[in-house]
Amino acid sequence: MMFICHTNLVEEFRGLYPDALTYEGNRAIVVSAKEEPDRLALAHCIALALTYKLRRKR
């Protein structure tokens, strides 16, 4: 899953879930076709990404 690299989203995800997900730089969460991802962590990261602008306004 790719994210806009000038945000701090992947850094935030990495802080919350350092070992639950695999990251690529400050751009992506890597989801392997061979392994089941941590669905709760992934769902939370997606929710954080979808609400990024709303959370920044506060």
N, C-alpha and C. Protein backbone atom coordinates (compact mmCIF):
# COMPACT_ATOMS: atom_id res chain seq x y z
N MET A 1 0.84 -1.15 0.00
CA MET A 1 0.00 0.00 0.00
C MET A 1 0.89 1.22 0.00
N MET A 2 0.71 2.06 -0.99
CA MET A 2 1.54 3.25 -1.13
C MET A 2 0.87 4.46 -0.47
N PHE A 3 1.71 5.34 0.10
CA PHE A 3 1.23 6.55 0.74
C PHE A 3 2.04 7.72 0.21
N ILE A 4 1.48 8.91 0.31
CA ILE A 4 2.20 10.11 -0.12
C ILE A 4 3.41 10.28 0.80
N CYS A 5 4.59 10.36 0.22
CA CYS A 5 5.82 10.32 1.01
C CYS A 5 6.10 11.60 1.80
N HIS A 6 5.43 12.69 1.50
CA HIS A 6 5.69 13.91 2.28
C HIS A 6 4.82 13.99 3.54
N THR A 7 4.04 12.95 3.79
CA THR A 7 3.31 12.86 5.06
C THR A 7 4.17 12.06 6.04
N ASN A 8 3.74 12.01 7.28
CA ASN A 8 4.46 11.21 8.26
C ASN A 8 3.69 9.92 8.58
N LEU A 9 2.81 9.52 7.67
CA LEU A 9 1.96 8.35 7.93
C LEU A 9 2.76 7.08 8.19
N VAL A 10 3.68 6.75 7.32
CA VAL A 10 4.42 5.50 7.49
C VAL A 10 5.27 5.55 8.76
N GLU A 11 5.81 6.69 9.07
CA GLU A 11 6.55 6.87 10.33
C GLU A 11 5.62 6.62 11.53
N GLU A 12 4.40 7.13 11.44
CA GLU A 12 3.41 6.92 12.50
C GLU A 12 3.06 5.43 12.61
N PHE A 13 2.85 4.78 11.48
CA PHE A 13 2.53 3.35 11.48
C PHE A 13 3.68 2.55 12.09
N ARG A 14 4.88 2.90 11.70
CA ARG A 14 6.07 2.20 12.20
C ARG A 14 6.20 2.35 13.72
N GLY A 15 5.85 3.52 14.24
CA GLY A 15 5.88 3.74 15.68
C GLY A 15 4.84 2.93 16.41
N LEU A 16 3.66 2.79 15.80
CA LEU A 16 2.58 2.02 16.42
C LEU A 16 2.77 0.51 16.29
N TYR A 17 3.24 0.07 15.12
CA TYR A 17 3.34 -1.35 14.82
C TYR A 17 4.72 -1.69 14.23
N PRO A 18 5.77 -1.57 15.04
CA PRO A 18 7.13 -1.76 14.50
C PRO A 18 7.39 -3.18 13.96
N ASP A 19 6.79 -4.18 14.56
CA ASP A 19 7.06 -5.56 14.14
C ASP A 19 5.87 -6.24 13.49
N ALA A 20 4.71 -5.61 13.50
CA ALA A 20 3.50 -6.25 12.98
C ALA A 20 3.40 -6.16 11.46
N LEU A 21 4.00 -5.13 10.88
CA LEU A 21 3.91 -4.91 9.44
C LEU A 21 5.31 -4.68 8.87
N THR A 22 5.42 -4.80 7.56
CA THR A 22 6.68 -4.56 6.87
C THR A 22 6.56 -3.24 6.11
N TYR A 23 7.57 -2.40 6.22
CA TYR A 23 7.52 -1.06 5.64
C TYR A 23 8.61 -0.89 4.59
N GLU A 24 8.36 -0.01 3.64
CA GLU A 24 9.35 0.35 2.63
C GLU A 24 9.57 1.86 2.70
N GLY A 25 10.68 2.22 3.33
CA GLY A 25 11.00 3.64 3.47
C GLY A 25 9.88 4.41 4.12
N ASN A 26 9.58 5.60 3.58
CA ASN A 26 8.48 6.40 4.12
C ASN A 26 7.30 6.43 3.14
N ARG A 27 7.24 5.39 2.29
CA ARG A 27 6.24 5.37 1.22
C ARG A 27 5.21 4.25 1.31
N ALA A 28 5.52 3.13 1.95
CA ALA A 28 4.62 1.99 1.78
C ALA A 28 4.61 1.02 2.95
N ILE A 29 3.49 0.33 3.06
CA ILE A 29 3.38 -0.89 3.86
C ILE A 29 3.40 -2.01 2.84
N VAL A 30 4.28 -2.97 3.03
CA VAL A 30 4.42 -4.07 2.10
C VAL A 30 3.58 -5.24 2.60
N VAL A 31 2.66 -5.70 1.76
CA VAL A 31 1.82 -6.84 2.10
C VAL A 31 2.24 -8.00 1.22
N SER A 32 2.73 -9.04 1.85
CA SER A 32 3.23 -10.21 1.12
C SER A 32 2.07 -11.13 0.72
N ALA A 33 2.16 -11.67 -0.47
CA ALA A 33 1.16 -12.64 -0.93
C ALA A 33 1.33 -13.98 -0.22
N LYS A 34 2.51 -14.20 0.38
CA LYS A 34 2.81 -15.48 1.01
C LYS A 34 2.44 -15.53 2.49
N GLU A 35 2.33 -14.36 3.12
CA GLU A 35 2.04 -14.31 4.56
C GLU A 35 0.79 -13.51 4.83
N GLU A 36 0.05 -13.93 5.83
CA GLU A 36 -1.14 -13.20 6.24
C GLU A 36 -0.72 -11.98 7.06
N PRO A 37 -1.15 -10.79 6.67
CA PRO A 37 -0.77 -9.59 7.45
C PRO A 37 -1.55 -9.53 8.76
N ASP A 38 -1.07 -8.74 9.68
CA ASP A 38 -1.80 -8.47 10.91
C ASP A 38 -2.98 -7.59 10.52
N ARG A 39 -4.14 -8.19 10.42
CA ARG A 39 -5.32 -7.49 9.90
C ARG A 39 -5.74 -6.30 10.76
N LEU A 40 -5.64 -6.44 12.07
CA LEU A 40 -6.03 -5.34 12.95
C LEU A 40 -5.10 -4.15 12.79
N ALA A 41 -3.80 -4.42 12.73
CA ALA A 41 -2.82 -3.34 12.54
C ALA A 41 -3.02 -2.69 11.18
N LEU A 42 -3.21 -3.50 10.15
CA LEU A 42 -3.40 -2.97 8.81
C LEU A 42 -4.68 -2.14 8.73
N ALA A 43 -5.76 -2.61 9.32
CA ALA A 43 -7.02 -1.87 9.32
C ALA A 43 -6.87 -0.53 10.04
N HIS A 44 -6.14 -0.53 11.15
CA HIS A 44 -5.92 0.71 11.89
C HIS A 44 -5.10 1.70 11.05
N CYS A 45 -4.09 1.21 10.38
CA CYS A 45 -3.26 2.08 9.53
C CYS A 45 -4.08 2.66 8.38
N ILE A 46 -4.95 1.86 7.79
CA ILE A 46 -5.81 2.35 6.72
C ILE A 46 -6.74 3.44 7.26
N ALA A 47 -7.31 3.21 8.43
CA ALA A 47 -8.18 4.21 9.04
C ALA A 47 -7.42 5.50 9.32
N LEU A 48 -6.20 5.38 9.80
CA LEU A 48 -5.38 6.57 10.06
C LEU A 48 -5.09 7.32 8.76
N ALA A 49 -4.83 6.59 7.69
CA ALA A 49 -4.56 7.22 6.41
C ALA A 49 -5.79 7.94 5.87
N LEU A 50 -6.95 7.31 6.02
CA LEU A 50 -8.18 7.91 5.51
C LEU A 50 -8.62 9.14 6.30
N THR A 51 -8.16 9.25 7.52
CA THR A 51 -8.53 10.40 8.35
C THR A 51 -7.36 11.37 8.56
N TYR A 52 -6.32 11.22 7.78
CA TYR A 52 -5.10 12.02 7.94
C TYR A 52 -5.39 13.52 7.93
N LYS A 53 -6.10 13.99 6.92
CA LYS A 53 -6.36 15.44 6.82
C LYS A 53 -7.24 15.93 7.96
N LEU A 54 -8.21 15.14 8.35
CA LEU A 54 -9.07 15.54 9.47
C LEU A 54 -8.27 15.65 10.77
N ARG A 55 -7.37 14.70 10.99
CA ARG A 55 -6.56 14.73 12.21
C ARG A 55 -5.56 15.88 12.18
N ARG A 56 -5.09 16.28 11.02
CA ARG A 56 -4.12 17.39 10.90
C ARG A 56 -4.76 18.73 11.20
N LYS A 57 -6.06 18.86 10.95
CA LYS A 57 -6.76 20.13 11.18
C LYS A 57 -6.93 20.43 12.66
N ARG A 58 -6.85 19.42 13.50
CA ARG A 58 -7.07 19.62 14.93
C ARG A 58 -5.88 20.20 15.62
